[in-house]
């Protein structure tokens, strides 16, 4: 078992991966498609990473719902058709 402390970047990356997977599972698409959707609107850098300190303290269900709502809003704002 590796007990080496993780850097903040590693922790954010792990958290982001879990957010992508959880959101994908919630809407029934692949993690790859969800990641592409999030990247297309800048959600990972401008939301998940930016607000990591707050988001990672919330429940998985709350974070998943929050991210999906933000993704939907950002896609609408940018007039991007979501895909599954």
PDB file of N, CA and C in Angstrom:
ATOM      1  N   UNK A   1       0.848  -1.183   0.000  1.00  0.00           N
ATOM      2  CA  UNK A   1       0.000   0.000   0.000  1.00  0.00           C
ATOM      3  C   UNK A   1       0.888   1.239   0.000  1.00  0.00           C
ATOM      4  N   UNK A   2       0.623   2.142  -0.919  1.00  0.00           N
ATOM      5  CA  UNK A   2       1.405   3.365  -1.042  1.00  0.00           C
ATOM      6  C   UNK A   2       0.766   4.472  -0.212  1.00  0.00           C
ATOM      7  N   UNK A   3       1.474   4.904   0.831  1.00  0.00           N
ATOM      8  CA  UNK A   3       0.940   5.943   1.715  1.00  0.00           C
ATOM      9  C   UNK A   3       1.583   7.301   1.462  1.00  0.00           C
ATOM     10  N   UNK A   4       2.226   7.450   0.305  1.00  0.00           N
ATOM     11  CA  UNK A   4       2.857   8.703  -0.043  1.00  0.00           C
ATOM     12  C   UNK A   4       1.788   9.773  -0.224  1.00  0.00           C
ATOM     13  N   UNK A   5       1.950  10.912   0.431  1.00  0.00           N
ATOM     14  CA  UNK A   5       0.963  11.982   0.265  1.00  0.00           C
ATOM     15  C   UNK A   5       0.863  12.407  -1.199  1.00  0.00           C
ATOM     16  N   UNK A   6      -0.324  12.712  -1.633  1.00  0.00           N
ATOM     17  CA  UNK A   6      -0.575  13.146  -2.998  1.00  0.00           C
ATOM     18  C   UNK A   6      -0.422  14.663  -3.094  1.00  0.00           C
ATOM     19  N   UNK A   7       0.003  15.113  -4.271  1.00  0.00           N
ATOM     20  CA  UNK A   7       0.059  16.553  -4.504  1.00  0.00           C
ATOM     21  C   UNK A   7      -1.369  17.051  -4.722  1.00  0.00           C
ATOM     22  N   UNK A   8      -1.554  18.354  -4.650  1.00  0.00           N
ATOM     23  CA  UNK A   8      -2.892  18.916  -4.878  1.00  0.00           C
ATOM     24  C   UNK A   8      -3.351  18.620  -6.303  1.00  0.00           C
ATOM     25  N   UNK A   9      -2.440  18.655  -7.252  1.00  0.00           N
ATOM     26  CA  UNK A   9      -2.798  18.356  -8.645  1.00  0.00           C
ATOM     27  C   UNK A   9      -3.267  16.902  -8.785  1.00  0.00           C
ATOM     28  N   UNK A  10      -2.597  15.983  -8.124  1.00  0.00           N
ATOM     29  CA  UNK A  10      -3.018  14.575  -8.161  1.00  0.00           C
ATOM     30  C   UNK A  10      -4.396  14.402  -7.535  1.00  0.00           C
ATOM     31  N   UNK A  11      -4.635  15.062  -6.407  1.00  0.00           N
ATOM     32  CA  UNK A  11      -5.934  14.970  -5.748  1.00  0.00           C
ATOM     33  C   UNK A  11      -7.044  15.534  -6.626  1.00  0.00           C
ATOM     34  N   UNK A  12      -6.789  16.660  -7.280  1.00  0.00           N
ATOM     35  CA  UNK A  12      -7.782  17.254  -8.171  1.00  0.00           C
ATOM     36  C   UNK A  12      -8.052  16.348  -9.368  1.00  0.00           C
ATOM     37  N   UNK A  13      -7.010  15.721  -9.878  1.00  0.00           N
ATOM     38  CA  UNK A  13      -7.167  14.817 -11.020  1.00  0.00           C
ATOM     39  C   UNK A  13      -7.997  13.599 -10.640  1.00  0.00           C
ATOM     40  N   UNK A  14      -7.725  13.033  -9.488  1.00  0.00           N
ATOM     41  CA  UNK A  14      -8.489  11.882  -8.995  1.00  0.00           C
ATOM     42  C   UNK A  14      -9.952  12.282  -8.787  1.00  0.00           C
ATOM     43  N   UNK A  15     -10.166  13.429  -8.168  1.00  0.00           N
ATOM     44  CA  UNK A  15     -11.526  13.914  -7.928  1.00  0.00           C
ATOM     45  C   UNK A  15     -12.255  14.164  -9.250  1.00  0.00           C
ATOM     46  N   UNK A  16     -11.580  14.779 -10.199  1.00  0.00           N
ATOM     47  CA  UNK A  16     -12.182  15.042 -11.508  1.00  0.00           C
ATOM     48  C   UNK A  16     -12.582  13.744 -12.195  1.00  0.00           C
ATOM     49  N   UNK A  17     -11.713  12.757 -12.153  1.00  0.00           N
ATOM     50  CA  UNK A  17     -12.023  11.464 -12.774  1.00  0.00           C
ATOM     51  C   UNK A  17     -13.260  10.849 -12.138  1.00  0.00           C
ATOM     52  N   UNK A  18     -13.377  10.964 -10.824  1.00  0.00           N
ATOM     53  CA  UNK A  18     -14.554  10.400 -10.155  1.00  0.00           C
ATOM     54  C   UNK A  18     -15.814  11.192 -10.511  1.00  0.00           C
ATOM     55  N   UNK A  19     -15.683  12.494 -10.706  1.00  0.00           N
ATOM     56  CA  UNK A  19     -16.824  13.321 -11.122  1.00  0.00           C
ATOM     57  C   UNK A  19     -17.285  12.941 -12.522  1.00  0.00           C
ATOM     58  N   UNK A  20     -16.340  12.752 -13.418  1.00  0.00           N
ATOM     59  CA  UNK A  20     -16.666  12.375 -14.798  1.00  0.00           C
ATOM     60  C   UNK A  20     -17.386  11.032 -14.800  1.00  0.00           C
ATOM     61  N   UNK A  21     -16.836  10.069 -14.087  1.00  0.00           N
ATOM     62  CA  UNK A  21     -17.432   8.734 -14.045  1.00  0.00           C
ATOM     63  C   UNK A  21     -18.826   8.762 -13.417  1.00  0.00           C
ATOM     64  N   UNK A  22     -18.981   9.475 -12.337  1.00  0.00           N
ATOM     65  CA  UNK A  22     -20.271   9.551 -11.652  1.00  0.00           C
ATOM     66  C   UNK A  22     -21.329  10.230 -12.521  1.00  0.00           C
ATOM     67  N   UNK A  23     -20.955  11.314 -13.177  1.00  0.00           N
ATOM     68  CA  UNK A  23     -21.895  12.019 -14.055  1.00  0.00           C
ATOM     69  C   UNK A  23     -22.269  11.145 -15.251  1.00  0.00           C
ATOM     70  N   UNK A  24     -21.303  10.448 -15.806  1.00  0.00           N
ATOM     71  CA  UNK A  24     -21.570   9.555 -16.943  1.00  0.00           C
ATOM     72  C   UNK A  24     -22.539   8.451 -16.539  1.00  0.00           C
ATOM     73  N   UNK A  25     -22.306   7.860 -15.386  1.00  0.00           N
ATOM     74  CA  UNK A  25     -23.200   6.805 -14.901  1.00  0.00           C
ATOM     75  C   UNK A  25     -24.614   7.332 -14.675  1.00  0.00           C
ATOM     76  N   UNK A  26     -24.715   8.564 -14.168  1.00  0.00           N
ATOM     77  CA  UNK A  26     -26.023   9.143 -13.866  1.00  0.00           C
ATOM     78  C   UNK A  26     -26.869   9.367 -15.118  1.00  0.00           C
ATOM     79  N   UNK A  27     -26.227   9.676 -16.247  1.00  0.00           N
ATOM     80  CA  UNK A  27     -26.992   9.934 -17.471  1.00  0.00           C
ATOM     81  C   UNK A  27     -26.922   8.780 -18.464  1.00  0.00           C
ATOM     82  N   UNK A  28     -26.141   7.750 -18.138  1.00  0.00           N
ATOM     83  CA  UNK A  28     -26.085   6.569 -18.988  1.00  0.00           C
ATOM     84  C   UNK A  28     -25.232   6.709 -20.238  1.00  0.00           C
ATOM     85  N   UNK A  29     -24.143   7.439 -20.135  1.00  0.00           N
ATOM     86  CA  UNK A  29     -23.218   7.541 -21.265  1.00  0.00           C
ATOM     87  C   UNK A  29     -21.837   7.064 -20.818  1.00  0.00           C
ATOM     88  N   UNK A  30     -20.927   6.987 -21.756  1.00  0.00           N
ATOM     89  CA  UNK A  30     -19.569   6.557 -21.411  1.00  0.00           C
ATOM     90  C   UNK A  30     -18.813   7.704 -20.728  1.00  0.00           C
ATOM     91  N   UNK A  31     -17.803   7.342 -19.963  1.00  0.00           N
ATOM     92  CA  UNK A  31     -16.962   8.350 -19.320  1.00  0.00           C
ATOM     93  C   UNK A  31     -16.256   9.205 -20.366  1.00  0.00           C
ATOM     94  N   UNK A  32     -15.900   8.592 -21.495  1.00  0.00           N
ATOM     95  CA  UNK A  32     -15.232   9.328 -22.568  1.00  0.00           C
ATOM     96  C   UNK A  32     -16.137  10.433 -23.113  1.00  0.00           C
ATOM     97  N   UNK A  33     -17.399  10.108 -23.373  1.00  0.00           N
ATOM     98  CA  UNK A  33     -18.346  11.106 -23.874  1.00  0.00           C
ATOM     99  C   UNK A  33     -18.546  12.209 -22.838  1.00  0.00           C
ATOM    100  N   UNK A  34     -18.702  11.840 -21.571  1.00  0.00           N
ATOM    101  CA  UNK A  34     -18.897  12.843 -20.520  1.00  0.00           C
ATOM    102  C   UNK A  34     -17.682  13.755 -20.405  1.00  0.00           C
ATOM    103  N   UNK A  35     -16.493  13.176 -20.452  1.00  0.00           N
ATOM    104  CA  UNK A  35     -15.267  13.974 -20.389  1.00  0.00           C
ATOM    105  C   UNK A  35     -15.218  14.964 -21.558  1.00  0.00           C
ATOM    106  N   UNK A  36     -15.558  14.504 -22.753  1.00  0.00           N
ATOM    107  CA  UNK A  36     -15.543  15.372 -23.925  1.00  0.00           C
ATOM    108  C   UNK A  36     -16.541  16.517 -23.776  1.00  0.00           C
ATOM    109  N   UNK A  37     -17.726  16.212 -23.253  1.00  0.00           N
ATOM    110  CA  UNK A  37     -18.726  17.266 -23.030  1.00  0.00           C
ATOM    111  C   UNK A  37     -18.205  18.300 -22.032  1.00  0.00           C
ATOM    112  N   UNK A  38     -17.641  17.825 -20.944  1.00  0.00           N
ATOM    113  CA  UNK A  38     -17.124  18.737 -19.919  1.00  0.00           C
ATOM    114  C   UNK A  38     -15.979  19.589 -20.462  1.00  0.00           C
ATOM    115  N   UNK A  39     -15.090  18.969 -21.216  1.00  0.00           N
ATOM    116  CA  UNK A  39     -13.962  19.697 -21.794  1.00  0.00           C
ATOM    117  C   UNK A  39     -14.438  20.744 -22.797  1.00  0.00           C
ATOM    118  N   UNK A  40     -15.417  20.394 -23.601  1.00  0.00           N
ATOM    119  CA  UNK A  40     -15.916  21.283 -24.657  1.00  0.00           C
ATOM    120  C   UNK A  40     -16.380  22.616 -24.085  1.00  0.00           C
ATOM    121  N   UNK A  41     -17.007  22.596 -22.904  1.00  0.00           N
ATOM    122  CA  UNK A  41     -17.517  23.848 -22.324  1.00  0.00           C
ATOM    123  C   UNK A  41     -16.589  24.435 -21.266  1.00  0.00           C
ATOM    124  N   UNK A  42     -15.480  23.745 -20.979  1.00  0.00           N
ATOM    125  CA  UNK A  42     -14.521  24.256 -20.000  1.00  0.00           C
ATOM    126  C   UNK A  42     -14.884  23.966 -18.554  1.00  0.00           C
ATOM    127  N   UNK A  43     -15.789  23.011 -18.336  1.00  0.00           N
ATOM    128  CA  UNK A  43     -16.284  22.735 -16.988  1.00  0.00           C
ATOM    129  C   UNK A  43     -15.202  22.201 -16.046  1.00  0.00           C
ATOM    130  N   UNK A  44     -14.285  21.433 -16.565  1.00  0.00           N
ATOM    131  CA  UNK A  44     -13.262  20.843 -15.689  1.00  0.00           C
ATOM    132  C   UNK A  44     -12.357  21.918 -15.118  1.00  0.00           C
ATOM    133  N   UNK A  45     -11.790  22.740 -15.974  1.00  0.00           N
ATOM    134  CA  UNK A  45     -10.862  23.767 -15.502  1.00  0.00           C
ATOM    135  C   UNK A  45     -11.556  24.903 -14.776  1.00  0.00           C
ATOM    136  N   UNK A  46     -12.682  25.347 -15.343  1.00  0.00           N
ATOM    137  CA  UNK A  46     -13.331  26.552 -14.816  1.00  0.00           C
ATOM    138  C   UNK A  46     -14.314  26.285 -13.687  1.00  0.00           C
ATOM    139  N   UNK A  47     -14.590  25.014 -13.411  1.00  0.00           N
ATOM    140  CA  UNK A  47     -15.539  24.724 -12.334  1.00  0.00           C
ATOM    141  C   UNK A  47     -15.010  23.665 -11.374  1.00  0.00           C
ATOM    142  N   UNK A  48     -14.743  22.474 -11.874  1.00  0.00           N
ATOM    143  CA  UNK A  48     -14.326  21.390 -10.971  1.00  0.00           C
ATOM    144  C   UNK A  48     -12.989  21.716 -10.321  1.00  0.00           C
ATOM    145  N   UNK A  49     -12.007  22.107 -11.115  1.00  0.00           N
ATOM    146  CA  UNK A  49     -10.697  22.433 -10.542  1.00  0.00           C
ATOM    147  C   UNK A  49     -10.758  23.731  -9.735  1.00  0.00           C
ATOM    148  N   UNK A  50     -11.447  24.722 -10.268  1.00  0.00           N
ATOM    149  CA  UNK A  50     -11.508  26.035  -9.600  1.00  0.00           C
ATOM    150  C   UNK A  50     -12.175  25.942  -8.231  1.00  0.00           C
ATOM    151  N   UNK A  51     -13.227  25.133  -8.147  1.00  0.00           N
ATOM    152  CA  UNK A  51     -13.979  25.028  -6.893  1.00  0.00           C
ATOM    153  C   UNK A  51     -13.760  23.699  -6.185  1.00  0.00           C
ATOM    154  N   UNK A  52     -12.643  23.070  -6.471  1.00  0.00           N
ATOM    155  CA  UNK A  52     -12.307  21.787  -5.857  1.00  0.00           C
ATOM    156  C   UNK A  52     -12.412  21.841  -4.335  1.00  0.00           C
ATOM    157  N   UNK A  53     -11.856  22.888  -3.714  1.00  0.00           N
ATOM    158  CA  UNK A  53     -11.843  22.973  -2.245  1.00  0.00           C
ATOM    159  C   UNK A  53     -13.238  22.875  -1.647  1.00  0.00           C
ATOM    160  N   UNK A  54     -14.232  23.416  -2.324  1.00  0.00           N
ATOM    161  CA  UNK A  54     -15.613  23.335  -1.846  1.00  0.00           C
ATOM    162  C   UNK A  54     -16.279  22.042  -2.287  1.00  0.00           C
ATOM    163  N   UNK A  55     -16.136  21.709  -3.567  1.00  0.00           N
ATOM    164  CA  UNK A  55     -16.840  20.546  -4.116  1.00  0.00           C
ATOM    165  C   UNK A  55     -16.450  19.235  -3.434  1.00  0.00           C
ATOM    166  N   UNK A  56     -15.160  19.058  -3.140  1.00  0.00           N
ATOM    167  CA  UNK A  56     -14.749  17.756  -2.603  1.00  0.00           C
ATOM    168  C   UNK A  56     -15.229  17.531  -1.166  1.00  0.00           C
ATOM    169  N   UNK A  57     -15.809  18.545  -0.553  1.00  0.00           N
ATOM    170  CA  UNK A  57     -16.341  18.366   0.803  1.00  0.00           C
ATOM    171  C   UNK A  57     -17.819  17.973   0.786  1.00  0.00           C
ATOM    172  N   UNK A  58     -18.432  17.978  -0.402  1.00  0.00           N
ATOM    173  CA  UNK A  58     -19.859  17.678  -0.534  1.00  0.00           C
ATOM    174  C   UNK A  58     -20.078  16.188  -0.813  1.00  0.00           C
ATOM    175  N   UNK A  59     -21.319  15.747  -0.694  1.00  0.00           N
ATOM    176  CA  UNK A  59     -21.635  14.346  -0.973  1.00  0.00           C
ATOM    177  C   UNK A  59     -21.510  14.067  -2.459  1.00  0.00           C
ATOM    178  N   UNK A  60     -21.264  12.824  -2.791  1.00  0.00           N
ATOM    179  CA  UNK A  60     -21.139  12.408  -4.194  1.00  0.00           C
ATOM    180  C   UNK A  60     -22.422  12.735  -4.960  1.00  0.00           C
ATOM    181  N   UNK A  61     -23.578  12.452  -4.366  1.00  0.00           N
ATOM    182  CA  UNK A  61     -24.850  12.738  -5.037  1.00  0.00           C
ATOM    183  C   UNK A  61     -25.002  14.230  -5.325  1.00  0.00           C
ATOM    184  N   UNK A  62     -24.688  15.057  -4.349  1.00  0.00           N
ATOM    185  CA  UNK A  62     -24.802  16.505  -4.538  1.00  0.00           C
ATOM    186  C   UNK A  62     -23.874  16.978  -5.652  1.00  0.00           C
ATOM    187  N   UNK A  63     -22.630  16.535  -5.611  1.00  0.00           N
ATOM    188  CA  UNK A  63     -21.649  16.959  -6.613  1.00  0.00           C
ATOM    189  C   UNK A  63     -22.085  16.514  -8.006  1.00  0.00           C
ATOM    190  N   UNK A  64     -22.569  15.288  -8.118  1.00  0.00           N
ATOM    191  CA  UNK A  64     -23.012  14.776  -9.423  1.00  0.00           C
ATOM    192  C   UNK A  64     -24.165  15.613  -9.965  1.00  0.00           C
ATOM    193  N   UNK A  65     -25.172  15.870  -9.147  1.00  0.00           N
ATOM    194  CA  UNK A  65     -26.308  16.688  -9.574  1.00  0.00           C
ATOM    195  C   UNK A  65     -25.867  18.103  -9.939  1.00  0.00           C
ATOM    196  N   UNK A  66     -24.992  18.668  -9.132  1.00  0.00           N
ATOM    197  CA  UNK A  66     -24.500  20.022  -9.364  1.00  0.00           C
ATOM    198  C   UNK A  66     -23.731  20.113 -10.677  1.00  0.00           C
ATOM    199  N   UNK A  67     -22.876  19.150 -10.923  1.00  0.00           N
ATOM    200  CA  UNK A  67     -22.075  19.144 -12.146  1.00  0.00           C
ATOM    201  C   UNK A  67     -22.962  18.953 -13.367  1.00  0.00           C
ATOM    202  N   UNK A  68     -23.933  18.052 -13.279  1.00  0.00           N
ATOM    203  CA  UNK A  68     -24.827  17.836 -14.419  1.00  0.00           C
ATOM    204  C   UNK A  68     -25.666  19.072 -14.714  1.00  0.00           C
ATOM    205  N   UNK A  69     -26.104  19.754 -13.673  1.00  0.00           N
ATOM    206  CA  UNK A  69     -26.865  20.989 -13.869  1.00  0.00           C
ATOM    207  C   UNK A  69     -25.981  22.065 -14.507  1.00  0.00           C
ATOM    208  N   UNK A  70     -24.767  22.202 -14.001  1.00  0.00           N
ATOM    209  CA  UNK A  70     -23.845  23.189 -14.572  1.00  0.00           C
ATOM    210  C   UNK A  70     -23.528  22.841 -16.025  1.00  0.00           C
ATOM    211  N   UNK A  71     -23.290  21.580 -16.314  1.00  0.00           N
ATOM    212  CA  UNK A  71     -22.988  21.154 -17.672  1.00  0.00           C
ATOM    213  C   UNK A  71     -24.133  21.498 -18.617  1.00  0.00           C
ATOM    214  N   UNK A  72     -25.334  21.186 -18.204  1.00  0.00           N
ATOM    215  CA  UNK A  72     -26.510  21.490 -19.024  1.00  0.00           C
ATOM    216  C   UNK A  72     -26.631  22.993 -19.276  1.00  0.00           C
ATOM    217  N   UNK A  73     -26.468  23.777 -18.229  1.00  0.00           N
ATOM    218  CA  UNK A  73     -26.561  25.237 -18.356  1.00  0.00           C
ATOM    219  C   UNK A  73     -25.465  25.798 -19.258  1.00  0.00           C
ATOM    220  N   UNK A  74     -24.251  25.300 -19.095  1.00  0.00           N
ATOM    221  CA  UNK A  74     -23.136  25.796 -19.892  1.00  0.00           C
ATOM    222  C   UNK A  74     -23.296  25.404 -21.352  1.00  0.00           C
ATOM    223  N   UNK A  75     -23.797  24.191 -21.601  1.00  0.00           N
ATOM    224  CA  UNK A  75     -24.027  23.766 -22.981  1.00  0.00           C
ATOM    225  C   UNK A  75     -25.114  24.634 -23.627  1.00  0.00           C
ATOM    226  N   UNK A  76     -26.180  24.932 -22.878  1.00  0.00           N
ATOM    227  CA  UNK A  76     -27.237  25.787 -23.405  1.00  0.00           C
ATOM    228  C   UNK A  76     -26.705  27.182 -23.696  1.00  0.00           C
ATOM    229  N   UNK A  77     -25.924  27.715 -22.784  1.00  0.00           N
ATOM    230  CA  UNK A  77     -25.363  29.041 -22.949  1.00  0.00           C
ATOM    231  C   UNK A  77     -24.469  29.109 -24.187  1.00  0.00           C
ATOM    232  N   UNK A  78     -23.730  28.045 -24.433  1.00  0.00           N
ATOM    233  CA  UNK A  78     -22.834  27.997 -25.576  1.00  0.00           C
ATOM    234  C   UNK A  78     -23.506  27.383 -26.811  1.00  0.00           C
ATOM    235  N   UNK A  79     -24.802  27.095 -26.674  1.00  0.00           N
ATOM    236  CA  UNK A  79     -25.592  26.505 -27.748  1.00  0.00           C
ATOM    237  C   UNK A  79     -24.967  25.236 -28.304  1.00  0.00           C
ATOM    238  N   UNK A  80     -24.591  24.356 -27.385  1.00  0.00           N
ATOM    239  CA  UNK A  80     -24.006  23.068 -27.742  1.00  0.00           C
ATOM    240  C   UNK A  80     -25.051  21.997 -27.489  1.00  0.00           C
ATOM    241  N   UNK A  81     -25.262  21.158 -28.473  1.00  0.00           N
ATOM    242  CA  UNK A  81     -26.202  20.029 -28.347  1.00  0.00           C
ATOM    243  C   UNK A  81     -25.516  18.931 -27.539  1.00  0.00           C
ATOM    244  N   UNK A  82     -26.123  18.500 -26.439  1.00  0.00           N
ATOM    245  CA  UNK A  82     -25.539  17.420 -25.653  1.00  0.00           C
ATOM    246  C   UNK A  82     -25.710  16.110 -26.383  1.00  0.00           C
ATOM    247  N   UNK A  83     -24.768  15.194 -26.129  1.00  0.00           N
ATOM    248  CA  UNK A  83     -24.828  13.865 -26.751  1.00  0.00           C
ATOM    249  C   UNK A  83     -24.695  12.818 -25.684  1.00  0.00           C
ATOM    250  N   UNK A  84     -25.240  11.647 -25.938  1.00  0.00           N
ATOM    251  CA  UNK A  84     -25.129  10.541 -24.972  1.00  0.00           C
ATOM    252  C   UNK A  84     -24.202   9.498 -25.487  1.00  0.00           C
TER     253      UNK A  84
END
